[in-house]
Amino acid sequence: MEYSPAVDLVDFLNASPTAFHAVEEAKKKLKSAGYQQVSEREDWDLKAGNKYYFTRNHSTIVAFAIGQKYVAGNGFYILGAHTDSPCLKLKPTTKVCKGGYLEVGVQTYGGGLWHTWFDRDLSVAGRIIVRERKDGSESYAQRLVRIQEPIMRIPTLAIHLDRGVNDGFKVNAQSHLLPMLATSIKAELSKPAADSVENGAPSVGKSSEKINTNANRHHSLLLQLLADQAGCEPGDICDFELQVCDTQPSLIGGAMKEFVFSGRLDNLCMSFCSLKALVDSTSSENSLQDETGVRMVALFDHEEVGSNSAQGAGSPVMLDALSRITSSFDSDSKLVTKAIQKSLLVSADMAHALHPNYMDKHEDNHQPKIHGGLVIKHNANQRYATNAVTSFIFREIAAKHNIPVQDFVVRNDMPCGSTIGPILASGVGIRTVDVGAPQLSMHSIREMCGVDDVKHSYQHMKAFFEECSHLDAKINVDM
């Protein structure tokens, strides 16, 4: 049976319930491929022909391979995607008790299809900040946690109590979306365990005030579950960033095994394909021998909420990376501007496939289909950053390798979404093409895309890294 990158994608998705976990998985793949980690807090000693990566906030990661023929001022060939997806995130105080139930306070993140979160088997994942003690001194560490088993659920209201629900289910994000963790009576029966967490004697150096403050904000049951995962005491959990996640695993399905069924395809599918393309295009001993530029993948957090954060595409992450790499080879600041004008960014974010039950939602001449390859996105109002030159380059690479490609324009009577493409194009000044694999159920808790499109995306992106610097050298539209 022919190998399909979709198999590895499913493994990546199942290991990545949050942006933090996705970055951790990316780090593992890069390390095993010989990429060295550098820190933004330290000086960089970079060499042509070598491969590197760095993270910011552990939710954004940038990896790059420097061509052996690279000199300062040469271009960067970049695939950009994002690690975050719409979800429910836990509030700073999660403890809610209503009607005999223990519920968990959450806030909506991004523009999710919130009705799809009802009646799912849910859990939590993310990162916690833990107090550690060694030799009488305290330090603090970040640990990734994930509770595998279903511990929560958001049940729908029975139709008998809402006869008009099928005429329009309207979700009140404040009052309807609280997951149920347990019943109060069961929690009361387990009170001795809870007492040992909330009221027990603190261990050496532990502040009972800190423990009680945490216990007042969060259910002791939840804290104990998190502590068990992190291998610490509940009182050592100082803070956390957690989100609700579906426990149903990602898988390949459909009668012909042609679909990927999963959450977070937007945009971990493009993150995975970008990463795999970079790793595989730089894996052989001579893969960078004739490369004059820098091959880069940048996976950003917070795209779903506008990218305005220290680790989002609206931050200086990209410009910082281009500047530091360039200046590592020559300190002349003018070379960074020169390099940017020679560079090309592929903004890779999932696209809307034609839905057979809603044909009228697509413009007649622009109906991307599953199995049809990557979609080049166009918008005259710059919601996408594609132009004729960048579109041509990306299309020409596909033609050379006989890879299918499609086009998308939103209907004139509908609003258009956007991506990191226009943000980076305007903030950095880099030429950009917006693309994405076609999918259905975007922003649902459970999405779907085509197995073939995972392969097409990977092949197209790998060819981009291997071909772009040579093709771009033949194009001159500035004179």
Protein backbone atom coordinates (compact mmCIF):
# COMPACT_ATOMS: atom_id res chain seq x y z
CA MET A 1 0.00 0.00 0.00
CA GLU A 2 1.33 3.44 -0.94
CA TYR A 3 2.47 5.54 1.99
CA SER A 4 0.16 8.46 2.77
CA PRO A 5 1.26 11.51 4.78
CA ALA A 6 -2.28 11.52 6.21
CA VAL A 7 -1.29 8.61 8.45
CA ASP A 8 1.41 10.73 10.08
CA LEU A 9 -0.96 13.70 10.19
CA VAL A 10 -3.42 11.68 12.27
CA ASP A 11 -0.65 10.78 14.72
CA PHE A 12 0.34 14.47 14.91
CA LEU A 13 -3.26 15.53 15.54
CA ASN A 14 -3.77 12.93 18.25
CA ALA A 15 -0.63 14.14 20.02
CA SER A 16 -1.59 17.83 19.73
CA PRO A 17 -4.75 18.76 21.65
CA THR A 18 -3.41 22.31 22.22
CA ALA A 19 -0.97 24.73 20.59
CA PHE A 20 1.53 23.92 23.37
CA HIS A 21 1.41 20.22 22.52
CA ALA A 22 1.64 20.92 18.79
CA VAL A 23 4.84 22.90 19.32
CA GLU A 24 6.23 20.13 21.51
CA GLU A 25 5.54 17.59 18.75
CA ALA A 26 7.15 19.91 16.20
CA LYS A 27 10.25 20.15 18.39
CA LYS A 28 10.54 16.37 18.54
CA LYS A 29 10.37 16.08 14.75
CA LEU A 30 12.91 18.84 14.24
CA LYS A 31 15.36 17.46 16.82
CA SER A 32 15.22 14.00 15.25
CA ALA A 33 15.95 15.61 11.86
CA GLY A 34 19.11 17.31 13.15
CA TYR A 35 17.73 20.80 13.84
CA GLN A 36 19.43 22.64 16.70
CA GLN A 37 17.49 24.76 19.18
CA VAL A 38 18.53 28.37 19.63
CA SER A 39 17.17 30.80 22.19
CA GLU A 40 15.93 34.32 21.53
CA ARG A 41 17.48 35.26 24.88
CA GLU A 42 20.99 34.33 23.71
CA ASP A 43 23.35 35.26 20.88
CA TRP A 44 23.15 33.13 17.75
CA ASP A 45 26.17 31.52 16.10
CA LEU A 46 24.70 30.35 12.78
CA LYS A 47 26.48 28.61 9.92
CA ALA A 48 25.53 28.05 6.29
CA GLY A 49 24.32 24.51 5.68
CA ASN A 50 22.99 24.08 9.24
CA LYS A 51 19.44 23.80 10.57
CA TYR A 52 17.90 25.55 13.58
CA TYR A 53 14.66 26.34 15.42
CA PHE A 54 13.38 28.48 18.28
CA THR A 55 10.11 28.78 20.18
CA ARG A 56 8.26 31.68 21.73
CA ASN A 57 5.84 31.09 24.59
CA HIS A 58 6.02 27.39 23.69
CA SER A 59 3.03 28.00 21.39
CA THR A 60 4.88 29.51 18.40
CA ILE A 61 7.80 27.83 16.67
CA VAL A 62 10.11 28.97 13.85
CA ALA A 63 12.44 26.50 12.10
CA PHE A 64 14.92 27.32 9.35
CA ALA A 65 17.59 25.66 7.22
CA ILE A 66 20.36 27.88 5.79
CA GLY A 67 21.55 27.07 2.29
CA GLN A 68 25.22 26.28 1.85
CA LYS A 69 25.45 29.05 -0.77
CA TYR A 70 23.61 31.58 1.37
CA VAL A 71 25.08 35.04 1.87
CA ALA A 72 23.55 37.90 3.85
CA GLY A 73 20.94 39.71 1.78
CA ASN A 74 19.66 36.59 0.03
CA GLY A 75 15.99 35.67 0.26
CA PHE A 76 13.92 33.61 2.66
CA TYR A 77 11.39 31.05 1.41
CA ILE A 78 8.81 30.68 4.13
CA LEU A 79 5.76 28.56 4.89
CA GLY A 80 3.58 30.21 7.54
CA ALA A 81 0.70 28.57 9.41
CA HIS A 82 -0.85 28.66 12.88
CA THR A 83 -1.04 26.30 15.84
CA ASP A 84 -4.27 27.46 17.49
CA SER A 85 -7.90 26.49 16.86
CA PRO A 86 -11.25 27.73 18.21
CA CYS A 87 -11.96 26.12 21.57
CA LEU A 88 -13.24 26.66 25.09
CA LYS A 89 -10.53 27.87 27.47
CA LEU A 90 -10.73 27.65 31.23
CA LYS A 91 -11.26 30.91 33.09
CA PRO A 92 -8.88 32.13 35.83
CA THR A 93 -11.52 31.00 38.33
CA THR A 94 -13.23 27.84 37.11
CA LYS A 95 -15.16 26.78 40.20
CA VAL A 96 -18.91 26.89 39.51
CA CYS A 97 -21.55 25.11 41.62
CA LYS A 98 -25.15 25.12 40.37
CA GLY A 99 -28.16 22.87 40.85
CA GLY A 100 -26.22 20.12 42.56
CA TYR A 101 -23.48 19.99 39.92
CA LEU A 102 -19.83 20.94 39.84
CA GLU A 103 -19.27 22.87 36.61
CA VAL A 104 -16.16 24.38 35.04
CA GLY A 105 -16.09 28.03 34.02
CA VAL A 106 -14.88 28.51 30.45
CA GLN A 107 -14.54 31.32 27.93
CA THR A 108 -14.86 31.07 24.17
CA TYR A 109 -11.67 31.36 22.11
CA GLY A 110 -12.07 32.29 18.46
CA GLY A 111 -15.14 31.89 16.29
CA GLY A 112 -16.14 28.32 17.01
CA LEU A 113 -19.26 26.46 15.96
CA TRP A 114 -20.24 26.20 19.61
CA HIS A 115 -23.31 24.03 19.11
CA THR A 116 -20.97 21.22 18.03
CA TRP A 117 -19.42 21.14 21.51
CA PHE A 118 -22.61 19.82 23.09
CA ASP A 119 -22.96 16.10 23.90
CA ARG A 120 -19.27 15.36 23.35
CA ASP A 121 -16.97 13.46 25.70
CA LEU A 122 -14.60 16.18 26.86
CA SER A 123 -11.40 16.58 28.83
CA VAL A 124 -8.78 19.27 29.44
CA ALA A 125 -5.21 19.86 28.24
CA GLY A 126 -2.66 22.66 28.24
CA ARG A 127 0.20 23.83 30.42
CA ILE A 128 0.57 24.40 34.13
CA ILE A 129 3.14 26.34 36.12
CA VAL A 130 4.47 24.15 38.93
CA ARG A 131 6.46 25.04 42.04
CA GLU A 132 9.49 22.80 42.44
CA ARG A 133 11.73 22.36 45.47
CA LYS A 134 15.30 21.13 45.54
CA ASP A 135 17.97 21.50 48.20
CA GLY A 136 15.81 23.92 50.17
CA SER A 137 15.22 26.33 47.27
CA GLU A 138 12.19 26.95 45.10
CA SER A 139 11.94 27.22 41.33
CA TYR A 140 9.11 27.20 38.85
CA ALA A 141 8.65 25.07 35.73
CA GLN A 142 6.19 24.69 32.89
CA ARG A 143 4.68 21.25 32.37
CA LEU A 144 2.33 20.10 29.63
CA VAL A 145 -0.67 18.15 30.85
CA ARG A 146 -3.44 16.21 29.20
CA ILE A 147 -6.15 14.19 30.90
CA GLN A 148 -6.86 11.43 28.40
CA GLU A 149 -10.13 10.10 29.78
CA PRO A 150 -13.45 11.95 29.42
CA ILE A 151 -14.10 13.95 32.58
CA MET A 152 -16.63 16.56 31.39
CA ARG A 153 -19.65 17.01 29.16
CA ILE A 154 -21.95 19.81 28.00
CA PRO A 155 -25.38 18.17 27.68
CA THR A 156 -28.06 19.64 25.46
CA LEU A 157 -31.50 20.44 26.80
CA ALA A 158 -34.12 17.78 26.00
CA ILE A 159 -36.43 18.69 23.12
CA HIS A 160 -39.39 18.25 25.47
CA LEU A 161 -38.19 21.34 27.34
CA ASP A 162 -37.42 23.35 24.19
CA ARG A 163 -39.87 22.44 21.44
CA GLY A 164 -38.54 25.06 19.05
CA VAL A 165 -34.90 23.99 19.20
CA ASN A 166 -34.92 22.52 15.68
CA ASP A 167 -36.11 25.87 14.33
CA GLY A 168 -32.89 27.50 15.51
CA PHE A 169 -30.52 26.47 18.28
CA LYS A 170 -29.10 29.64 19.80
CA VAL A 171 -26.19 29.14 22.18
CA ASN A 172 -25.69 31.57 25.05
CA ALA A 173 -21.92 31.34 25.45
CA GLN A 174 -22.05 32.51 29.07
CA SER A 175 -24.76 30.27 30.51
CA HIS A 176 -25.08 27.27 28.16
CA LEU A 177 -21.46 26.24 27.57
CA LEU A 178 -20.34 25.26 31.08
CA PRO A 179 -19.08 21.65 31.12
CA MET A 180 -20.28 19.41 33.96
CA LEU A 181 -17.44 17.85 35.95
CA ALA A 182 -19.34 15.93 38.64
CA THR A 183 -22.41 15.97 40.85
CA SER A 184 -22.13 17.62 44.23
CA ILE A 185 -23.25 14.49 46.06
CA LYS A 186 -20.48 12.35 44.57
CA ALA A 187 -17.97 15.06 45.33
CA GLU A 188 -19.25 15.09 48.92
CA LEU A 189 -18.83 11.32 49.18
CA SER A 190 -15.20 11.73 48.15
CA LYS A 191 -14.72 14.51 50.69
CA PRO A 192 -11.84 12.80 52.55
CA ALA A 193 -9.78 12.91 49.35
CA ALA A 194 -10.87 16.46 48.73
CA ASP A 195 -10.04 17.39 52.31
CA SER A 196 -6.52 16.07 51.90
CA VAL A 197 -6.12 18.36 48.92
CA GLU A 198 -7.82 21.49 50.18
CA ASN A 199 -7.35 21.30 53.93
CA GLY A 200 -4.51 18.87 54.51
CA ALA A 201 -1.24 19.83 56.12
CA PRO A 202 1.10 21.44 53.63
CA SER A 203 4.43 19.77 52.92
CA VAL A 204 7.75 21.41 53.76
CA GLY A 205 7.95 24.92 52.38
CA LYS A 206 4.38 24.83 51.14
CA SER A 207 2.10 27.73 51.92
CA SER A 208 -1.38 26.74 53.08
CA GLU A 209 -2.55 30.17 52.01
CA LYS A 210 -1.48 29.43 48.42
CA ILE A 211 -3.21 26.06 48.53
CA ASN A 212 -6.48 27.46 49.84
CA THR A 213 -6.42 30.33 47.35
CA ASN A 214 -6.17 27.78 44.52
CA ALA A 215 -8.83 25.58 46.08
CA ASN A 216 -11.20 28.53 46.36
CA ARG A 217 -10.80 29.19 42.63
CA HIS A 218 -10.93 25.63 41.29
CA HIS A 219 -12.65 22.37 42.19
CA SER A 220 -10.34 20.14 44.22
CA LEU A 221 -11.29 17.24 41.95
CA LEU A 222 -9.94 19.10 38.92
CA LEU A 223 -6.76 20.15 40.72
CA GLN A 224 -6.12 16.57 41.82
CA LEU A 225 -6.56 15.25 38.28
CA LEU A 226 -4.11 17.85 36.97
CA ALA A 227 -1.62 17.14 39.73
CA ASP A 228 -1.76 13.41 38.98
CA GLN A 229 -0.92 14.13 35.35
CA ALA A 230 1.91 16.51 36.23
CA GLY A 231 3.38 14.33 38.97
CA CYS A 232 3.08 17.00 41.64
CA GLU A 233 0.89 17.98 44.57
CA PRO A 234 -2.23 20.06 43.90
CA GLY A 235 -0.85 22.83 46.10
CA ASP A 236 2.21 23.10 43.86
CA ILE A 237 0.10 24.17 40.87
CA CYS A 238 0.65 27.92 40.70
CA ASP A 239 -1.29 28.75 37.53
CA PHE A 240 -2.38 27.23 34.25
CA GLU A 241 -3.53 27.78 30.68
CA LEU A 242 -5.94 24.97 29.91
CA GLN A 243 -8.57 24.33 27.29
CA VAL A 244 -11.40 21.90 26.84
CA CYS A 245 -10.72 19.22 24.22
CA ASP A 246 -12.61 16.38 22.59
CA THR A 247 -11.46 12.90 23.58
CA GLN A 248 -12.55 11.21 20.33
CA PRO A 249 -9.34 10.43 18.43
CA SER A 250 -8.53 11.69 14.95
CA LEU A 251 -8.76 8.99 12.30
CA ILE A 252 -8.98 8.18 8.60
CA GLY A 253 -12.57 7.34 7.66
CA GLY A 254 -15.21 7.25 4.97
CA ALA A 255 -16.38 4.26 2.93
CA MET A 256 -13.26 4.54 0.76
CA LYS A 257 -10.96 5.67 3.61
CA GLU A 258 -10.61 8.98 1.78
CA PHE A 259 -11.27 11.45 4.61
CA VAL A 260 -9.52 12.63 7.75
CA PHE A 261 -12.03 13.11 10.57
CA SER A 262 -10.58 15.24 13.36
CA GLY A 263 -10.71 18.40 15.38
CA ARG A 264 -8.17 21.18 14.79
CA LEU A 265 -7.55 20.46 11.09
CA ASP A 266 -7.72 24.25 10.87
CA ASN A 267 -4.87 24.71 11.13
CA LEU A 268 -2.77 21.80 12.34
CA CYS A 269 -3.12 20.12 8.95
CA MET A 270 -1.22 22.96 7.28
CA SER A 271 1.21 23.17 10.21
CA PHE A 272 2.02 19.48 9.84
CA CYS A 273 2.39 19.60 6.04
CA SER A 274 4.64 22.67 6.28
CA LEU A 275 6.83 21.07 8.91
CA LYS A 276 7.10 17.76 7.09
CA ALA A 277 7.94 19.57 3.84
CA LEU A 278 10.78 21.47 5.53
CA VAL A 279 12.19 18.40 7.27
CA ASP A 280 12.06 16.21 4.16
CA SER A 281 13.44 18.92 1.86
CA THR A 282 16.49 19.25 4.11
CA SER A 283 17.01 15.62 5.12
CA SER A 284 19.58 14.41 2.60
CA GLU A 285 23.26 15.19 2.92
CA ASN A 286 23.34 17.44 -0.16
CA SER A 287 19.81 18.90 0.08
CA LEU A 288 21.15 22.38 0.94
CA GLN A 289 24.24 22.18 -1.27
CA ASP A 290 22.90 24.45 -4.04
CA GLU A 291 20.49 26.47 -1.91
CA THR A 292 21.22 30.22 -1.95
CA GLY A 293 18.43 31.20 0.44
CA VAL A 294 16.94 30.18 3.77
CA ARG A 295 14.09 27.69 3.98
CA MET A 296 11.80 28.49 6.90
CA VAL A 297 8.59 27.37 8.59
CA ALA A 298 6.83 29.72 11.04
CA LEU A 299 3.91 28.35 13.05
CA PHE A 300 2.17 31.10 15.02
CA ASP A 301 -0.25 31.14 17.92
CA HIS A 302 -3.37 33.33 18.23
CA GLU A 303 -4.38 33.54 14.56
CA GLU A 304 -7.97 32.72 15.49
CA VAL A 305 -8.22 35.85 17.64
CA GLY A 306 -6.42 38.34 15.42
CA SER A 307 -2.71 37.52 15.92
CA ASN A 308 -2.16 40.49 18.26
CA SER A 309 0.09 38.94 20.89
CA ALA A 310 3.79 38.58 21.64
CA GLN A 311 3.75 35.23 19.84
CA GLY A 312 1.20 35.98 17.11
CA ALA A 313 1.86 36.85 13.48
CA GLY A 314 1.23 40.50 14.38
CA SER A 315 4.26 40.48 16.68
CA PRO A 316 7.89 41.03 15.58
CA VAL A 317 8.61 37.25 15.59
CA MET A 318 9.02 36.99 11.82
CA LEU A 319 10.99 40.22 11.39
CA ASP A 320 13.16 39.34 14.39
CA ALA A 321 14.02 35.98 12.84
CA LEU A 322 14.87 37.45 9.42
CA SER A 323 16.97 40.19 11.02
CA ARG A 324 18.91 37.92 13.36
CA ILE A 325 19.68 35.36 10.68
CA THR A 326 20.83 38.02 8.22
CA SER A 327 22.93 39.89 10.79
CA SER A 328 24.59 36.64 11.87
CA PHE A 329 26.37 36.69 8.52
CA ASP A 330 26.74 40.46 8.01
CA SER A 331 25.95 43.32 10.40
CA ASP A 332 24.93 45.77 7.65
CA SER A 333 21.30 46.59 8.55
CA LYS A 334 20.44 47.46 4.95
CA LEU A 335 20.80 43.80 4.00
CA VAL A 336 17.66 42.87 5.92
CA THR A 337 15.51 45.13 3.72
CA LYS A 338 17.22 43.69 0.68
CA ALA A 339 16.55 40.14 1.88
CA ILE A 340 12.87 40.82 2.54
CA GLN A 341 12.37 42.07 -1.02
CA LYS A 342 13.87 38.82 -2.31
CA SER A 343 11.74 36.65 -0.06
CA LEU A 344 8.43 34.85 -0.53
CA LEU A 345 5.89 33.74 2.07
CA VAL A 346 3.28 31.03 1.57
CA SER A 347 0.53 31.68 4.11
CA ALA A 348 -1.02 28.22 4.55
CA ASP A 349 -4.44 28.14 6.20
CA MET A 350 -7.24 25.68 5.49
CA ALA A 351 -9.79 26.62 2.79
CA HIS A 352 -13.55 26.14 2.38
CA ALA A 353 -14.41 23.11 0.24
CA LEU A 354 -17.68 23.13 -1.69
CA HIS A 355 -20.46 21.72 0.50
CA PRO A 356 -22.95 19.64 -1.56
CA ASN A 357 -25.87 20.64 0.68
CA TYR A 358 -25.08 24.36 0.43
CA MET A 359 -23.98 24.85 -3.17
CA ASP A 360 -25.21 28.45 -3.19
CA LYS A 361 -22.57 29.47 -0.63
CA HIS A 362 -19.81 29.34 -3.26
CA GLU A 363 -19.17 31.55 -6.25
CA ASP A 364 -19.98 29.60 -9.43
CA ASN A 365 -16.48 29.69 -10.94
CA HIS A 366 -14.59 29.14 -7.70
CA GLN A 367 -15.71 25.95 -5.99
CA PRO A 368 -12.76 24.16 -4.37
CA LYS A 369 -13.31 20.43 -4.03
CA ILE A 370 -11.85 17.78 -1.79
CA HIS A 371 -9.08 15.84 -3.61
CA GLY A 372 -8.49 18.90 -5.81
CA GLY A 373 -5.23 20.06 -4.25
CA LEU A 374 -4.22 23.25 -2.48
CA VAL A 375 -6.51 26.26 -2.97
CA ILE A 376 -4.99 29.62 -3.93
CA LYS A 377 -7.06 32.31 -2.20
CA HIS A 378 -7.78 35.67 -3.84
CA ASN A 379 -9.47 38.80 -2.51
CA ALA A 380 -9.47 42.24 -4.13
CA ASN A 381 -9.89 43.89 -0.70
CA GLN A 382 -6.70 42.29 0.61
CA ARG A 383 -8.29 39.86 3.02
CA TYR A 384 -5.82 37.53 1.33
CA ALA A 385 -2.37 38.75 0.23
CA THR A 386 -2.14 36.83 -3.08
CA ASN A 387 -1.16 38.76 -6.21
CA ALA A 388 -0.42 37.75 -9.81
CA VAL A 389 3.30 37.20 -9.24
CA THR A 390 2.99 35.12 -6.07
CA SER A 391 0.09 33.14 -7.50
CA PHE A 392 2.08 32.44 -10.68
CA ILE A 393 5.10 31.17 -8.75
CA PHE A 394 3.03 28.81 -6.64
CA ARG A 395 1.02 27.61 -9.64
CA GLU A 396 4.15 27.10 -11.76
CA ILE A 397 5.70 24.87 -9.11
CA ALA A 398 2.53 22.75 -9.11
CA ALA A 399 2.52 22.47 -12.90
CA LYS A 400 6.14 21.32 -12.99
CA HIS A 401 5.35 18.45 -10.61
CA ASN A 402 1.86 17.66 -11.96
CA ILE A 403 0.24 18.60 -8.64
CA PRO A 404 -3.40 19.79 -8.79
CA VAL A 405 -4.22 23.31 -7.64
CA GLN A 406 -7.48 25.26 -7.24
CA ASP A 407 -8.67 28.87 -6.81
CA PHE A 408 -11.10 30.47 -4.38
CA VAL A 409 -12.85 33.83 -4.32
CA VAL A 410 -15.65 34.48 -1.85
CA ARG A 411 -19.04 35.54 -3.21
CA ASN A 412 -19.47 39.31 -3.51
CA ASP A 413 -22.50 39.18 -1.23
CA MET A 414 -20.64 37.42 1.60
CA PRO A 415 -17.92 38.63 3.99
CA CYS A 416 -14.44 37.19 3.57
CA GLY A 417 -12.29 35.72 6.31
CA SER A 418 -8.58 36.41 6.56
CA THR A 419 -5.27 34.81 7.54
CA ILE A 420 -1.78 35.63 8.76
CA GLY A 421 -0.94 36.46 5.12
CA PRO A 422 -2.06 40.11 5.03
CA ILE A 423 -0.69 40.67 8.55
CA LEU A 424 2.80 39.53 7.61
CA ALA A 425 2.68 41.05 4.13
CA SER A 426 1.90 44.49 5.56
CA GLY A 427 3.98 44.19 8.74
CA VAL A 428 7.13 42.75 7.21
CA GLY A 429 6.76 43.85 3.59
CA ILE A 430 7.18 40.35 2.20
CA ARG A 431 5.57 39.04 -0.99
CA THR A 432 2.84 36.58 -0.05
CA VAL A 433 0.50 34.00 -1.52
CA ASP A 434 -2.43 32.69 0.53
CA VAL A 435 -3.24 29.01 0.10
CA GLY A 436 -4.93 26.19 2.00
CA ALA A 437 -6.20 22.62 1.70
CA PRO A 438 -9.99 22.35 1.23
CA GLN A 439 -12.03 21.13 4.20
CA LEU A 440 -15.58 20.91 5.51
CA SER A 441 -16.99 21.73 8.96
CA MET A 442 -14.40 24.44 9.57
CA HIS A 443 -14.36 25.60 13.22
CA SER A 444 -16.47 22.64 14.34
CA ILE A 445 -15.23 20.45 17.18
CA ARG A 446 -15.00 17.74 14.49
CA GLU A 447 -13.82 18.70 10.99
CA MET A 448 -12.99 16.75 7.83
CA CYS A 449 -10.64 16.97 4.85
CA GLY A 450 -9.38 14.67 2.10
CA VAL A 451 -6.53 12.20 2.49
CA ASP A 452 -5.36 13.05 -1.04
CA ASP A 453 -5.19 16.75 -0.21
CA VAL A 454 -2.83 16.07 2.67
CA LYS A 455 -0.53 14.37 0.15
CA HIS A 456 -0.99 17.14 -2.44
CA SER A 457 -0.26 19.81 0.18
CA TYR A 458 2.90 18.09 1.40
CA GLN A 459 4.17 17.50 -2.15
CA HIS A 460 3.43 21.09 -3.19
CA MET A 461 5.13 22.56 -0.12
CA LYS A 462 8.18 20.33 -0.44
CA ALA A 463 8.50 21.34 -4.10
CA PHE A 464 8.20 24.99 -3.05
CA PHE A 465 11.28 24.66 -0.85
CA GLU A 466 13.25 22.80 -3.48
CA GLU A 467 12.27 24.93 -6.49
CA CYS A 468 11.42 28.44 -5.36
CA SER A 469 14.84 30.08 -5.22
CA HIS A 470 15.67 28.89 -8.74
CA LEU A 471 12.28 29.86 -10.20
CA ASP A 472 12.20 33.22 -8.45
CA ALA A 473 15.61 34.11 -9.93
CA LYS A 474 14.01 34.01 -13.40
CA ILE A 475 11.29 36.53 -12.51
CA ASN A 476 11.79 40.30 -12.73
CA VAL A 477 8.76 42.50 -12.29
CA ASP A 478 10.45 45.42 -10.50
CA MET A 479 12.12 47.08 -13.49
